[in-house]
């Protein structure tokens, strides 16, 4: 039996590049970003006073969004984001994306039960109005081990946005976990037509090809993944993982590169073994 390759989960942000066994929360685990205390204190004080004077679901939601943007290093604060999204939900539980955001935060904390309850509420209330909620539910289901349901939810999202490379990549992940490598290979193959230099897709394609026994093509793909993963910088990483703590971007990139390197080594060993036979 071949050793399992390392699969990069990209998604929602959550995400990084570890073996499937170790993937769960090592990189997506969130903490507070190190920003100057005086800036955080003054912003927080202003928000708290403003909200106390003029409480509304819309204002609370806006403050929640401010603190849940991984690209805004100075304002990122998942604790305050959760606080204000909860206030928004209390004032108006039907607000368009509020349960979606609470689901994302619960997911990042590893509270999959709460995350699922929130995203189910979101979809029950708004359904097709917020198609990316199917993406989030697919991610949660994938981490909970319900790969078949996750695949169905990714398929629902991809009906709306078929060329979303991140969704295709996460869809391939659950297909591989559900022992459907040919479908994963087909999905990544189609996406690579539009994103031929995407290291996430290249690495996922290499894993799927390896699993179906096309070792030579897997080797070609993993070599390309290795070349292109060198170009991933923190700005691109933060753009690809909205909602994640910007403080872990460097660690995530390093882990991704390590996973691709290890996959390349294992595929090369398989290629050498097949040449001897």
C-alpha atoms as a PDB file:
ATOM      1  CA  UNK A   1       0.000   0.000   0.000  1.00  0.00           C
ATOM      2  CA  UNK A   2       1.329   3.410  -0.932  1.00  0.00           C
ATOM      3  CA  UNK A   3       1.809   5.972   1.797  1.00  0.00           C
ATOM      4  CA  UNK A   4      -0.824   8.671   1.902  1.00  0.00           C
ATOM      5  CA  UNK A   5       0.127  11.973   0.343  1.00  0.00           C
ATOM      6  CA  UNK A   6      -0.390  15.293   2.028  1.00  0.00           C
ATOM      7  CA  UNK A   7      -3.439  17.181   0.930  1.00  0.00           C
ATOM      8  CA  UNK A   8      -3.812  20.960   1.101  1.00  0.00           C
ATOM      9  CA  UNK A   9      -7.148  22.170   2.334  1.00  0.00           C
ATOM     10  CA  UNK A  10      -7.884  25.627   1.104  1.00  0.00           C
ATOM     11  CA  UNK A  11     -11.044  26.868   2.018  1.00  0.00           C
ATOM     12  CA  UNK A  12     -12.843  29.868   3.719  1.00  0.00           C
ATOM     13  CA  UNK A  13     -10.805  30.190   4.616  1.00  0.00           C
ATOM     14  CA  UNK A  14      -9.438  27.443   7.114  1.00  0.00           C
ATOM     15  CA  UNK A  15      -7.160  26.180   6.099  1.00  0.00           C
ATOM     16  CA  UNK A  16      -3.657  25.042   5.322  1.00  0.00           C
ATOM     17  CA  UNK A  17      -1.623  22.164   4.144  1.00  0.00           C
ATOM     18  CA  UNK A  18      -1.126  19.168   6.342  1.00  0.00           C
ATOM     19  CA  UNK A  19      -1.603  15.442   6.106  1.00  0.00           C
ATOM     20  CA  UNK A  20      -5.262  14.518   6.247  1.00  0.00           C
ATOM     21  CA  UNK A  21      -4.746  12.946   9.658  1.00  0.00           C
ATOM     22  CA  UNK A  22      -3.230  16.095  11.116  1.00  0.00           C
ATOM     23  CA  UNK A  23      -5.155  18.690   9.135  1.00  0.00           C
ATOM     24  CA  UNK A  24      -7.835  19.636  11.604  1.00  0.00           C
ATOM     25  CA  UNK A  25      -6.963  22.745  13.581  1.00  0.00           C
ATOM     26  CA  UNK A  26      -3.229  23.287  13.661  1.00  0.00           C
ATOM     27  CA  UNK A  27      -3.110  26.203  11.254  1.00  0.00           C
ATOM     28  CA  UNK A  28      -6.666  27.459  11.329  1.00  0.00           C
ATOM     29  CA  UNK A  29      -6.621  27.741  15.115  1.00  0.00           C
ATOM     30  CA  UNK A  30      -7.032  31.430  15.716  1.00  0.00           C
ATOM     31  CA  UNK A  31      -5.521  33.869  18.170  1.00  0.00           C
ATOM     32  CA  UNK A  32      -5.321  37.604  18.471  1.00  0.00           C
ATOM     33  CA  UNK A  33      -3.127  39.491  16.085  1.00  0.00           C
ATOM     34  CA  UNK A  34      -0.331  41.491  17.655  1.00  0.00           C
ATOM     35  CA  UNK A  35      -1.379  45.078  17.021  1.00  0.00           C
ATOM     36  CA  UNK A  36      -0.560  48.135  19.116  1.00  0.00           C
ATOM     37  CA  UNK A  37      -2.661  47.992  22.263  1.00  0.00           C
ATOM     38  CA  UNK A  38      -3.570  51.673  22.098  1.00  0.00           C
ATOM     39  CA  UNK A  39      -5.041  51.302  18.583  1.00  0.00           C
ATOM     40  CA  UNK A  40      -7.144  48.301  19.556  1.00  0.00           C
ATOM     41  CA  UNK A  41      -8.320  49.969  22.743  1.00  0.00           C
ATOM     42  CA  UNK A  42      -9.339  53.223  21.081  1.00  0.00           C
ATOM     43  CA  UNK A  43     -11.197  51.478  18.244  1.00  0.00           C
ATOM     44  CA  UNK A  44     -12.937  49.155  20.677  1.00  0.00           C
ATOM     45  CA  UNK A  45     -13.933  51.999  22.976  1.00  0.00           C
ATOM     46  CA  UNK A  46     -15.338  54.011  20.080  1.00  0.00           C
ATOM     47  CA  UNK A  47     -17.348  51.020  18.830  1.00  0.00           C
ATOM     48  CA  UNK A  48     -18.709  50.129  22.254  1.00  0.00           C
ATOM     49  CA  UNK A  49     -19.833  53.687  22.951  1.00  0.00           C
ATOM     50  CA  UNK A  50     -21.311  54.145  19.469  1.00  0.00           C
ATOM     51  CA  UNK A  51     -23.223  50.898  19.706  1.00  0.00           C
ATOM     52  CA  UNK A  52     -24.503  51.694  23.200  1.00  0.00           C
ATOM     53  CA  UNK A  53     -25.831  55.038  21.944  1.00  0.00           C
ATOM     54  CA  UNK A  54     -27.295  53.741  18.661  1.00  0.00           C
ATOM     55  CA  UNK A  55     -27.767  49.961  18.853  1.00  0.00           C
ATOM     56  CA  UNK A  56     -28.759  48.263  15.614  1.00  0.00           C
ATOM     57  CA  UNK A  57     -28.193  44.910  13.971  1.00  0.00           C
ATOM     58  CA  UNK A  58     -26.631  46.596  10.953  1.00  0.00           C
ATOM     59  CA  UNK A  59     -24.113  48.534  13.050  1.00  0.00           C
ATOM     60  CA  UNK A  60     -23.191  45.458  15.051  1.00  0.00           C
ATOM     61  CA  UNK A  61     -22.720  43.453  11.863  1.00  0.00           C
ATOM     62  CA  UNK A  62     -20.496  46.163  10.396  1.00  0.00           C
ATOM     63  CA  UNK A  63     -18.264  46.114  13.464  1.00  0.00           C
ATOM     64  CA  UNK A  64     -18.141  42.327  13.307  1.00  0.00           C
ATOM     65  CA  UNK A  65     -16.987  42.434   9.696  1.00  0.00           C
ATOM     66  CA  UNK A  66     -14.311  45.000  10.545  1.00  0.00           C
ATOM     67  CA  UNK A  67     -12.675  42.595  12.970  1.00  0.00           C
ATOM     68  CA  UNK A  68     -13.043  39.465  10.839  1.00  0.00           C
ATOM     69  CA  UNK A  69     -10.876  40.506   7.903  1.00  0.00           C
ATOM     70  CA  UNK A  70      -7.524  38.712   7.868  1.00  0.00           C
ATOM     71  CA  UNK A  71      -6.105  41.287   5.463  1.00  0.00           C
ATOM     72  CA  UNK A  72      -6.706  44.101   7.966  1.00  0.00           C
ATOM     73  CA  UNK A  73      -3.845  43.379  10.349  1.00  0.00           C
ATOM     74  CA  UNK A  74      -4.558  46.287  12.697  1.00  0.00           C
ATOM     75  CA  UNK A  75      -8.241  45.547  13.253  1.00  0.00           C
ATOM     76  CA  UNK A  76      -8.360  41.743  13.105  1.00  0.00           C
ATOM     77  CA  UNK A  77      -9.810  40.485  16.387  1.00  0.00           C
ATOM     78  CA  UNK A  78     -11.960  37.379  16.225  1.00  0.00           C
ATOM     79  CA  UNK A  79     -13.203  37.875  19.784  1.00  0.00           C
ATOM     80  CA  UNK A  80     -14.706  41.268  18.976  1.00  0.00           C
ATOM     81  CA  UNK A  81     -16.009  39.947  15.657  1.00  0.00           C
ATOM     82  CA  UNK A  82     -17.880  37.176  17.453  1.00  0.00           C
ATOM     83  CA  UNK A  83     -19.182  39.597  20.084  1.00  0.00           C
ATOM     84  CA  UNK A  84     -20.713  41.921  17.512  1.00  0.00           C
ATOM     85  CA  UNK A  85     -22.066  39.205  15.215  1.00  0.00           C
ATOM     86  CA  UNK A  86     -23.857  37.759  18.255  1.00  0.00           C
ATOM     87  CA  UNK A  87     -25.296  41.192  19.051  1.00  0.00           C
ATOM     88  CA  UNK A  88     -26.451  41.529  15.441  1.00  0.00           C
ATOM     89  CA  UNK A  89     -28.129  38.103  15.550  1.00  0.00           C
ATOM     90  CA  UNK A  90     -29.865  38.955  18.823  1.00  0.00           C
ATOM     91  CA  UNK A  91     -31.304  42.159  17.358  1.00  0.00           C
ATOM     92  CA  UNK A  92     -32.218  40.697  13.968  1.00  0.00           C
ATOM     93  CA  UNK A  93     -31.852  36.917  13.597  1.00  0.00           C
ATOM     94  CA  UNK A  94     -32.898  37.145   9.948  1.00  0.00           C
ATOM     95  CA  UNK A  95     -30.050  39.507   8.961  1.00  0.00           C
ATOM     96  CA  UNK A  96     -28.722  38.197   5.664  1.00  0.00           C
ATOM     97  CA  UNK A  97     -25.250  36.847   6.520  1.00  0.00           C
ATOM     98  CA  UNK A  98     -25.144  36.898  10.308  1.00  0.00           C
ATOM     99  CA  UNK A  99     -25.517  33.134  10.876  1.00  0.00           C
ATOM    100  CA  UNK A 100     -23.056  32.493   8.067  1.00  0.00           C
ATOM    101  CA  UNK A 101     -20.424  34.548   9.881  1.00  0.00           C
ATOM    102  CA  UNK A 102     -21.151  32.963  13.251  1.00  0.00           C
ATOM    103  CA  UNK A 103     -20.747  29.550  11.602  1.00  0.00           C
ATOM    104  CA  UNK A 104     -17.348  30.533  10.225  1.00  0.00           C
ATOM    105  CA  UNK A 105     -16.145  31.714  13.621  1.00  0.00           C
ATOM    106  CA  UNK A 106     -17.373  28.564  15.369  1.00  0.00           C
ATOM    107  CA  UNK A 107     -15.611  26.498  12.708  1.00  0.00           C
ATOM    108  CA  UNK A 108     -12.340  28.333  13.242  1.00  0.00           C
ATOM    109  CA  UNK A 109     -12.620  27.570  16.951  1.00  0.00           C
ATOM    110  CA  UNK A 110     -13.171  23.888  16.174  1.00  0.00           C
ATOM    111  CA  UNK A 111     -16.739  23.955  17.487  1.00  0.00           C
ATOM    112  CA  UNK A 112     -18.203  22.012  14.583  1.00  0.00           C
ATOM    113  CA  UNK A 113     -21.560  21.333  16.257  1.00  0.00           C
ATOM    114  CA  UNK A 114     -22.265  25.041  16.713  1.00  0.00           C
ATOM    115  CA  UNK A 115     -20.875  25.794  13.269  1.00  0.00           C
ATOM    116  CA  UNK A 116     -23.255  23.271  11.692  1.00  0.00           C
ATOM    117  CA  UNK A 117     -26.247  24.589  13.636  1.00  0.00           C
ATOM    118  CA  UNK A 118     -25.485  28.155  12.546  1.00  0.00           C
ATOM    119  CA  UNK A 119     -24.944  27.315   8.872  1.00  0.00           C
ATOM    120  CA  UNK A 120     -28.090  25.161   8.793  1.00  0.00           C
ATOM    121  CA  UNK A 121     -30.013  28.143  10.182  1.00  0.00           C
ATOM    122  CA  UNK A 122     -28.445  30.385   7.556  1.00  0.00           C
ATOM    123  CA  UNK A 123     -29.461  28.075   4.708  1.00  0.00           C
ATOM    124  CA  UNK A 124     -32.949  27.522   6.144  1.00  0.00           C
ATOM    125  CA  UNK A 125     -33.511  31.284   6.321  1.00  0.00           C
ATOM    126  CA  UNK A 126     -31.863  32.392   3.098  1.00  0.00           C
ATOM    127  CA  UNK A 127     -31.096  29.320   0.986  1.00  0.00           C
ATOM    128  CA  UNK A 128     -30.047  30.295  -2.524  1.00  0.00           C
ATOM    129  CA  UNK A 129     -29.658  33.972  -1.551  1.00  0.00           C
ATOM    130  CA  UNK A 130     -26.305  33.109   0.013  1.00  0.00           C
ATOM    131  CA  UNK A 131     -24.840  30.291  -2.127  1.00  0.00           C
ATOM    132  CA  UNK A 132     -21.445  30.509  -0.421  1.00  0.00           C
ATOM    133  CA  UNK A 133     -23.166  29.161   2.688  1.00  0.00           C
ATOM    134  CA  UNK A 134     -23.220  25.784   0.921  1.00  0.00           C
ATOM    135  CA  UNK A 135     -19.451  26.117   0.571  1.00  0.00           C
ATOM    136  CA  UNK A 136     -19.103  26.749   4.307  1.00  0.00           C
ATOM    137  CA  UNK A 137     -21.372  23.829   5.140  1.00  0.00           C
ATOM    138  CA  UNK A 138     -19.331  21.582   2.861  1.00  0.00           C
ATOM    139  CA  UNK A 139     -16.190  22.588   4.718  1.00  0.00           C
ATOM    140  CA  UNK A 140     -17.748  21.893   8.113  1.00  0.00           C
ATOM    141  CA  UNK A 141     -19.100  18.533   6.951  1.00  0.00           C
ATOM    142  CA  UNK A 142     -15.689  17.637   5.571  1.00  0.00           C
ATOM    143  CA  UNK A 143     -14.031  18.264   8.905  1.00  0.00           C
ATOM    144  CA  UNK A 144     -16.755  16.274  10.627  1.00  0.00           C
ATOM    145  CA  UNK A 145     -16.038  13.317   8.331  1.00  0.00           C
ATOM    146  CA  UNK A 146     -19.318  13.452   6.390  1.00  0.00           C
ATOM    147  CA  UNK A 147     -17.587  13.503   3.017  1.00  0.00           C
ATOM    148  CA  UNK A 148     -20.560  12.506   0.865  1.00  0.00           C
ATOM    149  CA  UNK A 149     -22.710  15.362   2.215  1.00  0.00           C
ATOM    150  CA  UNK A 150     -19.764  17.743   1.887  1.00  0.00           C
ATOM    151  CA  UNK A 151     -19.363  16.814  -1.782  1.00  0.00           C
ATOM    152  CA  UNK A 152     -23.055  17.493  -2.387  1.00  0.00           C
ATOM    153  CA  UNK A 153     -22.807  20.946  -0.814  1.00  0.00           C
ATOM    154  CA  UNK A 154     -19.697  21.828  -2.821  1.00  0.00           C
ATOM    155  CA  UNK A 155     -21.533  20.732  -5.961  1.00  0.00           C
ATOM    156  CA  UNK A 156     -24.411  23.038  -5.016  1.00  0.00           C
ATOM    157  CA  UNK A 157     -22.024  25.973  -4.659  1.00  0.00           C
ATOM    158  CA  UNK A 158     -20.183  25.131  -7.887  1.00  0.00           C
ATOM    159  CA  UNK A 159     -23.443  25.345  -9.826  1.00  0.00           C
ATOM    160  CA  UNK A 160     -23.347  29.076  -9.067  1.00  0.00           C
ATOM    161  CA  UNK A 161     -19.583  29.619  -9.338  1.00  0.00           C
ATOM    162  CA  UNK A 162     -18.156  26.742 -11.407  1.00  0.00           C
ATOM    163  CA  UNK A 163     -14.722  28.298 -11.885  1.00  0.00           C
ATOM    164  CA  UNK A 164     -14.023  29.056  -8.229  1.00  0.00           C
ATOM    165  CA  UNK A 165     -10.634  27.350  -7.856  1.00  0.00           C
ATOM    166  CA  UNK A 166     -10.784  27.283  -4.072  1.00  0.00           C
ATOM    167  CA  UNK A 167     -14.129  25.482  -4.063  1.00  0.00           C
ATOM    168  CA  UNK A 168     -12.885  22.980  -6.646  1.00  0.00           C
ATOM    169  CA  UNK A 169      -9.816  22.339  -4.523  1.00  0.00           C
ATOM    170  CA  UNK A 170     -11.869  21.699  -1.381  1.00  0.00           C
ATOM    171  CA  UNK A 171     -14.304  19.592  -3.405  1.00  0.00           C
ATOM    172  CA  UNK A 172     -11.367  17.458  -4.550  1.00  0.00           C
ATOM    173  CA  UNK A 173     -10.315  17.051  -0.904  1.00  0.00           C
ATOM    174  CA  UNK A 174     -13.651  15.539   0.160  1.00  0.00           C
ATOM    175  CA  UNK A 175     -13.780  13.357  -2.960  1.00  0.00           C
ATOM    176  CA  UNK A 176     -10.378  11.948  -2.073  1.00  0.00           C
ATOM    177  CA  UNK A 177     -11.457  11.355   1.509  1.00  0.00           C
ATOM    178  CA  UNK A 178     -14.576   9.626   0.189  1.00  0.00           C
ATOM    179  CA  UNK A 179     -12.389   7.285  -1.888  1.00  0.00           C
ATOM    180  CA  UNK A 180     -13.372   8.889  -5.206  1.00  0.00           C
ATOM    181  CA  UNK A 181      -9.959   9.788  -6.659  1.00  0.00           C
ATOM    182  CA  UNK A 182     -11.018   9.637 -10.303  1.00  0.00           C
ATOM    183  CA  UNK A 183     -13.668  12.293  -9.696  1.00  0.00           C
ATOM    184  CA  UNK A 184     -11.100  14.394  -7.845  1.00  0.00           C
ATOM    185  CA  UNK A 185      -8.695  14.034 -10.770  1.00  0.00           C
ATOM    186  CA  UNK A 186     -11.422  15.068 -13.226  1.00  0.00           C
ATOM    187  CA  UNK A 187     -12.440  18.100 -11.142  1.00  0.00           C
ATOM    188  CA  UNK A 188      -8.905  19.423 -10.744  1.00  0.00           C
ATOM    189  CA  UNK A 189      -8.115  18.738 -14.405  1.00  0.00           C
ATOM    190  CA  UNK A 190     -10.970  20.986 -15.507  1.00  0.00           C
ATOM    191  CA  UNK A 191     -10.002  23.745 -13.061  1.00  0.00           C
ATOM    192  CA  UNK A 192      -6.364  23.716 -14.175  1.00  0.00           C
ATOM    193  CA  UNK A 193      -7.479  24.770 -17.646  1.00  0.00           C
ATOM    194  CA  UNK A 194      -8.347  28.133 -16.110  1.00  0.00           C
ATOM    195  CA  UNK A 195      -5.700  28.205 -13.351  1.00  0.00           C
ATOM    196  CA  UNK A 196      -2.676  26.327 -14.767  1.00  0.00           C
ATOM    197  CA  UNK A 197      -0.205  27.799 -12.274  1.00  0.00           C
ATOM    198  CA  UNK A 198      -2.254  27.438  -9.098  1.00  0.00           C
ATOM    199  CA  UNK A 199      -0.142  25.466  -6.599  1.00  0.00           C
ATOM    200  CA  UNK A 200      -3.136  24.300  -4.552  1.00  0.00           C
ATOM    201  CA  UNK A 201      -4.818  22.767  -7.588  1.00  0.00           C
ATOM    202  CA  UNK A 202      -1.554  21.358  -8.926  1.00  0.00           C
ATOM    203  CA  UNK A 203      -0.822  19.612  -5.644  1.00  0.00           C
ATOM    204  CA  UNK A 204      -4.368  18.276  -5.368  1.00  0.00           C
ATOM    205  CA  UNK A 205      -4.219  17.048  -8.941  1.00  0.00           C
ATOM    206  CA  UNK A 206      -0.936  15.276  -8.201  1.00  0.00           C
ATOM    207  CA  UNK A 207      -2.507  13.472  -5.235  1.00  0.00           C
ATOM    208  CA  UNK A 208      -5.553  12.384  -7.246  1.00  0.00           C
ATOM    209  CA  UNK A 209      -3.386  11.156 -10.130  1.00  0.00           C
ATOM    210  CA  UNK A 210      -1.151   9.292  -7.708  1.00  0.00           C
ATOM    211  CA  UNK A 211      -4.178   7.577  -6.193  1.00  0.00           C
ATOM    212  CA  UNK A 212      -5.464   6.377  -9.580  1.00  0.00           C
ATOM    213  CA  UNK A 213      -2.002   5.130 -10.531  1.00  0.00           C
ATOM    214  CA  UNK A 214      -0.954   7.750 -13.100  1.00  0.00           C
ATOM    215  CA  UNK A 215       2.412   8.254 -11.421  1.00  0.00           C
ATOM    216  CA  UNK A 216       4.188   9.978 -14.312  1.00  0.00           C
ATOM    217  CA  UNK A 217       1.527  12.669 -14.656  1.00  0.00           C
ATOM    218  CA  UNK A 218       1.366  13.000 -10.873  1.00  0.00           C
ATOM    219  CA  UNK A 219       5.114  13.636 -10.883  1.00  0.00           C
ATOM    220  CA  UNK A 220       4.755  16.315 -13.536  1.00  0.00           C
ATOM    221  CA  UNK A 221       2.000  18.048 -11.558  1.00  0.00           C
ATOM    222  CA  UNK A 222       3.771  17.952  -8.205  1.00  0.00           C
ATOM    223  CA  UNK A 223       6.915  19.419  -9.780  1.00  0.00           C
ATOM    224  CA  UNK A 224       4.851  22.323 -11.100  1.00  0.00           C
ATOM    225  CA  UNK A 225       3.197  22.694  -7.697  1.00  0.00           C
ATOM    226  CA  UNK A 226       6.642  22.920  -6.114  1.00  0.00           C
ATOM    227  CA  UNK A 227       7.751  25.604  -8.580  1.00  0.00           C
ATOM    228  CA  UNK A 228       4.667  27.737  -8.038  1.00  0.00           C
ATOM    229  CA  UNK A 229       4.359  27.333  -4.285  1.00  0.00           C
ATOM    230  CA  UNK A 230       7.656  29.207  -3.995  1.00  0.00           C
ATOM    231  CA  UNK A 231       5.862  32.297  -5.323  1.00  0.00           C
ATOM    232  CA  UNK A 232       3.072  32.294  -2.723  1.00  0.00           C
ATOM    233  CA  UNK A 233       3.548  35.284  -0.431  1.00  0.00           C
ATOM    234  CA  UNK A 234       1.704  36.448   2.670  1.00  0.00           C
ATOM    235  CA  UNK A 235      -0.516  38.843   0.730  1.00  0.00           C
ATOM    236  CA  UNK A 236      -1.769  36.040  -1.515  1.00  0.00           C
ATOM    237  CA  UNK A 237      -2.143  33.717   1.453  1.00  0.00           C
ATOM    238  CA  UNK A 238      -4.284  36.206   3.377  1.00  0.00           C
ATOM    239  CA  UNK A 239      -6.400  36.840   0.291  1.00  0.00           C
ATOM    240  CA  UNK A 240      -6.944  33.077  -0.073  1.00  0.00           C
ATOM    241  CA  UNK A 241      -7.826  32.566   3.605  1.00  0.00           C
ATOM    242  CA  UNK A 242     -10.259  35.348   4.575  1.00  0.00           C
ATOM    243  CA  UNK A 243     -11.099  35.338   8.262  1.00  0.00           C
ATOM    244  CA  UNK A 244      -7.927  33.583   9.383  1.00  0.00           C
ATOM    245  CA  UNK A 245      -5.503  35.228  11.766  1.00  0.00           C
ATOM    246  CA  UNK A 246      -2.903  37.108   9.685  1.00  0.00           C
ATOM    247  CA  UNK A 247      -0.292  36.224  12.287  1.00  0.00           C
ATOM    248  CA  UNK A 248      -0.218  32.618  11.026  1.00  0.00           C
ATOM    249  CA  UNK A 249       0.241  33.391   7.322  1.00  0.00           C
ATOM    250  CA  UNK A 250       3.977  32.682   7.359  1.00  0.00           C
ATOM    251  CA  UNK A 251       3.451  29.398   9.171  1.00  0.00           C
ATOM    252  CA  UNK A 252       0.759  28.379   6.708  1.00  0.00           C
ATOM    253  CA  UNK A 253       2.979  29.057   3.703  1.00  0.00           C
ATOM    254  CA  UNK A 254       5.830  27.105   5.259  1.00  0.00           C
ATOM    255  CA  UNK A 255       3.549  24.146   5.990  1.00  0.00           C
ATOM    256  CA  UNK A 256       2.175  24.184   2.443  1.00  0.00           C
ATOM    257  CA  UNK A 257       5.676  24.111   0.972  1.00  0.00           C
ATOM    258  CA  UNK A 258       6.647  21.272   3.277  1.00  0.00           C
ATOM    259  CA  UNK A 259       3.613  19.232   2.227  1.00  0.00           C
ATOM    260  CA  UNK A 260       4.332  19.721  -1.477  1.00  0.00           C
ATOM    261  CA  UNK A 261       7.977  18.802  -0.935  1.00  0.00           C
ATOM    262  CA  UNK A 262       7.031  15.601   0.878  1.00  0.00           C
ATOM    263  CA  UNK A 263       4.491  14.685  -1.790  1.00  0.00           C
ATOM    264  CA  UNK A 264       7.093  15.212  -4.483  1.00  0.00           C
ATOM    265  CA  UNK A 265       9.518  12.938  -2.654  1.00  0.00           C
ATOM    266  CA  UNK A 266       6.935  10.166  -2.262  1.00  0.00           C
ATOM    267  CA  UNK A 267       5.839  10.384  -5.894  1.00  0.00           C
ATOM    268  CA  UNK A 268       9.467  10.214  -7.000  1.00  0.00           C
ATOM    269  CA  UNK A 269       9.916   7.051  -4.929  1.00  0.00           C
ATOM    270  CA  UNK A 270       6.808   5.536  -6.537  1.00  0.00           C
ATOM    271  CA  UNK A 271       8.079   6.534  -9.974  1.00  0.00           C
ATOM    272  CA  UNK A 272      11.457   4.925  -9.316  1.00  0.00           C
ATOM    273  CA  UNK A 273       9.785   1.756  -8.053  1.00  0.00           C
ATOM    274  CA  UNK A 274       7.606   1.492 -11.156  1.00  0.00           C
ATOM    275  CA  UNK A 275      10.667   1.899 -13.388  1.00  0.00           C
ATOM    276  CA  UNK A 276      12.355  -1.064 -11.702  1.00  0.00           C
ATOM    277  CA  UNK A 277       9.381  -3.380 -12.197  1.00  0.00           C
END
